[in-house]
Amino acid sequence: MEIRYKDKKIRDICENEKKAIKRYNKIIAEKLIFSIEFLKNSNSLKDVADYRNFRFHELKYGRKG
């Protein structure tokens, strides 16, 4: 899956673990890098939605889109 970033600074943080650790802490940086790699390796949004750790669920009531 292709990921587009708003600007170069955000891309650098999301793709470079050292910069992510410097900006955030090690735990958050590791989770960020894992999530970005997971998105890159997914074939479709269905793969992402089916991954239980992201805890996606169907919207209810007035939030249905």
N, C-alpha and C. Protein backbone atom coordinates (compact mmCIF):
# COMPACT_ATOMS: atom_id res chain seq x y z
N MET A 1 0.84 -1.16 0.00
CA MET A 1 0.00 0.00 0.00
C MET A 1 0.90 1.23 0.00
N GLU A 2 0.51 2.21 -0.75
CA GLU A 2 1.28 3.45 -0.83
C GLU A 2 0.84 4.40 0.29
N ILE A 3 1.80 5.02 0.94
CA ILE A 3 1.50 5.99 1.99
C ILE A 3 2.03 7.34 1.55
N ARG A 4 1.17 8.36 1.62
CA ARG A 4 1.57 9.73 1.29
C ARG A 4 1.59 10.55 2.56
N TYR A 5 2.60 11.39 2.69
CA TYR A 5 2.76 12.22 3.87
C TYR A 5 2.51 13.68 3.52
N LYS A 6 2.09 14.44 4.52
CA LYS A 6 1.79 15.86 4.32
C LYS A 6 3.05 16.64 3.97
N ASP A 7 4.14 16.32 4.63
CA ASP A 7 5.41 16.99 4.34
C ASP A 7 6.59 16.08 4.66
N LYS A 8 7.78 16.55 4.31
CA LYS A 8 9.00 15.75 4.47
C LYS A 8 9.31 15.46 5.94
N LYS A 9 9.02 16.40 6.82
CA LYS A 9 9.32 16.22 8.25
C LYS A 9 8.54 15.03 8.82
N ILE A 10 7.27 14.94 8.48
CA ILE A 10 6.44 13.83 8.97
C ILE A 10 6.93 12.51 8.37
N ARG A 11 7.26 12.52 7.08
CA ARG A 11 7.77 11.30 6.44
C ARG A 11 9.05 10.82 7.11
N ASP A 12 9.96 11.75 7.41
CA ASP A 12 11.22 11.38 8.06
C ASP A 12 10.99 10.75 9.42
N ILE A 13 10.06 11.31 10.20
CA ILE A 13 9.77 10.76 11.52
C ILE A 13 9.16 9.37 11.40
N CYS A 14 8.26 9.19 10.43
CA CYS A 14 7.57 7.90 10.28
C CYS A 14 8.44 6.81 9.68
N GLU A 15 9.46 7.18 8.94
CA GLU A 15 10.28 6.17 8.26
C GLU A 15 11.67 5.99 8.87
N ASN A 16 12.07 6.86 9.78
CA ASN A 16 13.39 6.78 10.38
C ASN A 16 13.24 6.59 11.88
N GLU A 17 13.62 5.42 12.36
CA GLU A 17 13.41 5.08 13.77
C GLU A 17 14.17 6.02 14.71
N LYS A 18 15.40 6.39 14.35
CA LYS A 18 16.18 7.29 15.20
C LYS A 18 15.48 8.65 15.36
N LYS A 19 14.94 9.17 14.27
CA LYS A 19 14.24 10.46 14.34
C LYS A 19 12.94 10.33 15.13
N ALA A 20 12.28 9.19 15.00
CA ALA A 20 11.04 8.96 15.74
C ALA A 20 11.32 8.87 17.24
N ILE A 21 12.40 8.19 17.62
CA ILE A 21 12.76 8.09 19.03
C ILE A 21 13.14 9.45 19.59
N LYS A 22 13.85 10.24 18.79
CA LYS A 22 14.24 11.58 19.24
C LYS A 22 13.01 12.46 19.45
N ARG A 23 12.04 12.34 18.55
CA ARG A 23 10.83 13.16 18.64
C ARG A 23 9.88 12.67 19.74
N TYR A 24 9.73 11.37 19.85
CA TYR A 24 8.85 10.76 20.85
C TYR A 24 9.73 9.92 21.77
N ASN A 25 9.20 8.93 22.41
CA ASN A 25 10.07 8.02 23.18
C ASN A 25 10.18 6.69 22.44
N LYS A 26 10.99 5.79 22.97
CA LYS A 26 11.29 4.53 22.27
C LYS A 26 10.04 3.67 22.05
N ILE A 27 9.18 3.57 23.06
CA ILE A 27 7.99 2.72 22.95
C ILE A 27 7.05 3.24 21.86
N ILE A 28 6.79 4.53 21.87
CA ILE A 28 5.90 5.12 20.86
C ILE A 28 6.52 5.01 19.47
N ALA A 29 7.82 5.25 19.37
CA ALA A 29 8.51 5.16 18.08
C ALA A 29 8.42 3.75 17.51
N GLU A 30 8.60 2.74 18.35
CA GLU A 30 8.50 1.35 17.87
C GLU A 30 7.10 1.04 17.37
N LYS A 31 6.08 1.49 18.09
CA LYS A 31 4.70 1.27 17.66
C LYS A 31 4.41 2.00 16.36
N LEU A 32 4.93 3.21 16.23
CA LEU A 32 4.74 3.99 15.00
C LEU A 32 5.37 3.29 13.81
N ILE A 33 6.61 2.87 13.95
CA ILE A 33 7.32 2.18 12.86
C ILE A 33 6.60 0.87 12.51
N PHE A 34 6.16 0.11 13.51
CA PHE A 34 5.42 -1.13 13.25
C PHE A 34 4.15 -0.84 12.46
N SER A 35 3.40 0.18 12.87
CA SER A 35 2.14 0.51 12.19
C SER A 35 2.38 0.93 10.75
N ILE A 36 3.39 1.75 10.51
CA ILE A 36 3.71 2.20 9.15
C ILE A 36 4.12 1.00 8.29
N GLU A 37 4.96 0.13 8.80
CA GLU A 37 5.38 -1.05 8.05
C GLU A 37 4.20 -1.98 7.77
N PHE A 38 3.32 -2.12 8.75
CA PHE A 38 2.12 -2.93 8.55
C PHE A 38 1.27 -2.37 7.42
N LEU A 39 1.07 -1.05 7.41
CA LEU A 39 0.28 -0.42 6.35
C LEU A 39 0.95 -0.59 4.99
N LYS A 40 2.26 -0.43 4.93
CA LYS A 40 2.99 -0.59 3.66
C LYS A 40 2.85 -2.01 3.12
N ASN A 41 2.85 -3.00 4.00
CA ASN A 41 2.79 -4.39 3.57
C ASN A 41 1.38 -4.91 3.34
N SER A 42 0.38 -4.12 3.65
CA SER A 42 -1.02 -4.53 3.44
C SER A 42 -1.39 -4.37 1.98
N ASN A 43 -2.20 -5.30 1.50
CA ASN A 43 -2.66 -5.23 0.12
C ASN A 43 -3.86 -4.31 -0.04
N SER A 44 -4.68 -4.21 1.00
CA SER A 44 -5.89 -3.39 0.92
C SER A 44 -6.27 -2.90 2.32
N LEU A 45 -7.22 -2.00 2.37
CA LEU A 45 -7.71 -1.51 3.66
C LEU A 45 -8.45 -2.60 4.42
N LYS A 46 -8.97 -3.59 3.70
CA LYS A 46 -9.64 -4.71 4.36
C LYS A 46 -8.64 -5.48 5.23
N ASP A 47 -7.42 -5.65 4.75
CA ASP A 47 -6.38 -6.30 5.56
C ASP A 47 -6.15 -5.54 6.86
N VAL A 48 -6.14 -4.23 6.77
CA VAL A 48 -5.92 -3.39 7.95
C VAL A 48 -7.11 -3.50 8.90
N ALA A 49 -8.32 -3.41 8.36
CA ALA A 49 -9.52 -3.47 9.18
C ALA A 49 -9.67 -4.83 9.87
N ASP A 50 -9.20 -5.89 9.24
CA ASP A 50 -9.31 -7.23 9.82
C ASP A 50 -8.28 -7.51 10.92
N TYR A 51 -7.28 -6.66 11.04
CA TYR A 51 -6.24 -6.85 12.05
C TYR A 51 -6.80 -6.43 13.42
N ARG A 52 -6.93 -7.37 14.33
CA ARG A 52 -7.62 -7.14 15.60
C ARG A 52 -6.96 -6.10 16.50
N ASN A 53 -5.65 -5.97 16.45
CA ASN A 53 -4.97 -5.04 17.36
C ASN A 53 -5.33 -3.58 17.11
N PHE A 54 -5.83 -3.26 15.92
CA PHE A 54 -6.23 -1.88 15.64
C PHE A 54 -7.63 -1.58 16.16
N ARG A 55 -8.38 -2.62 16.53
CA ARG A 55 -9.69 -2.51 17.16
C ARG A 55 -10.70 -1.69 16.36
N PHE A 56 -10.76 -1.92 15.06
CA PHE A 56 -11.79 -1.28 14.25
C PHE A 56 -13.13 -1.93 14.53
N HIS A 57 -14.19 -1.14 14.45
CA HIS A 57 -15.54 -1.67 14.64
C HIS A 57 -16.51 -0.84 13.81
N GLU A 58 -17.66 -1.42 13.58
CA GLU A 58 -18.68 -0.75 12.79
C GLU A 58 -19.25 0.43 13.58
N LEU A 59 -19.44 1.56 12.90
CA LEU A 59 -20.02 2.72 13.56
C LEU A 59 -21.50 2.52 13.78
N LYS A 60 -22.03 3.09 14.86
CA LYS A 60 -23.44 2.91 15.21
C LYS A 60 -24.14 4.26 15.30
N TYR A 61 -25.45 4.19 15.27
CA TYR A 61 -26.33 5.33 15.49
C TYR A 61 -26.07 6.45 14.47
N GLY A 62 -25.89 7.67 14.93
CA GLY A 62 -25.73 8.81 14.03
C GLY A 62 -24.35 8.93 13.42
N ARG A 63 -23.47 8.00 13.71
CA ARG A 63 -22.10 8.06 13.19
C ARG A 63 -21.88 7.20 11.96
N LYS A 64 -22.93 6.50 11.52
CA LYS A 64 -22.79 5.67 10.32
C LYS A 64 -22.48 6.58 9.14
N GLY A 65 -21.56 6.12 8.28
CA GLY A 65 -21.16 6.97 7.16
C GLY A 65 -21.43 6.41 5.89
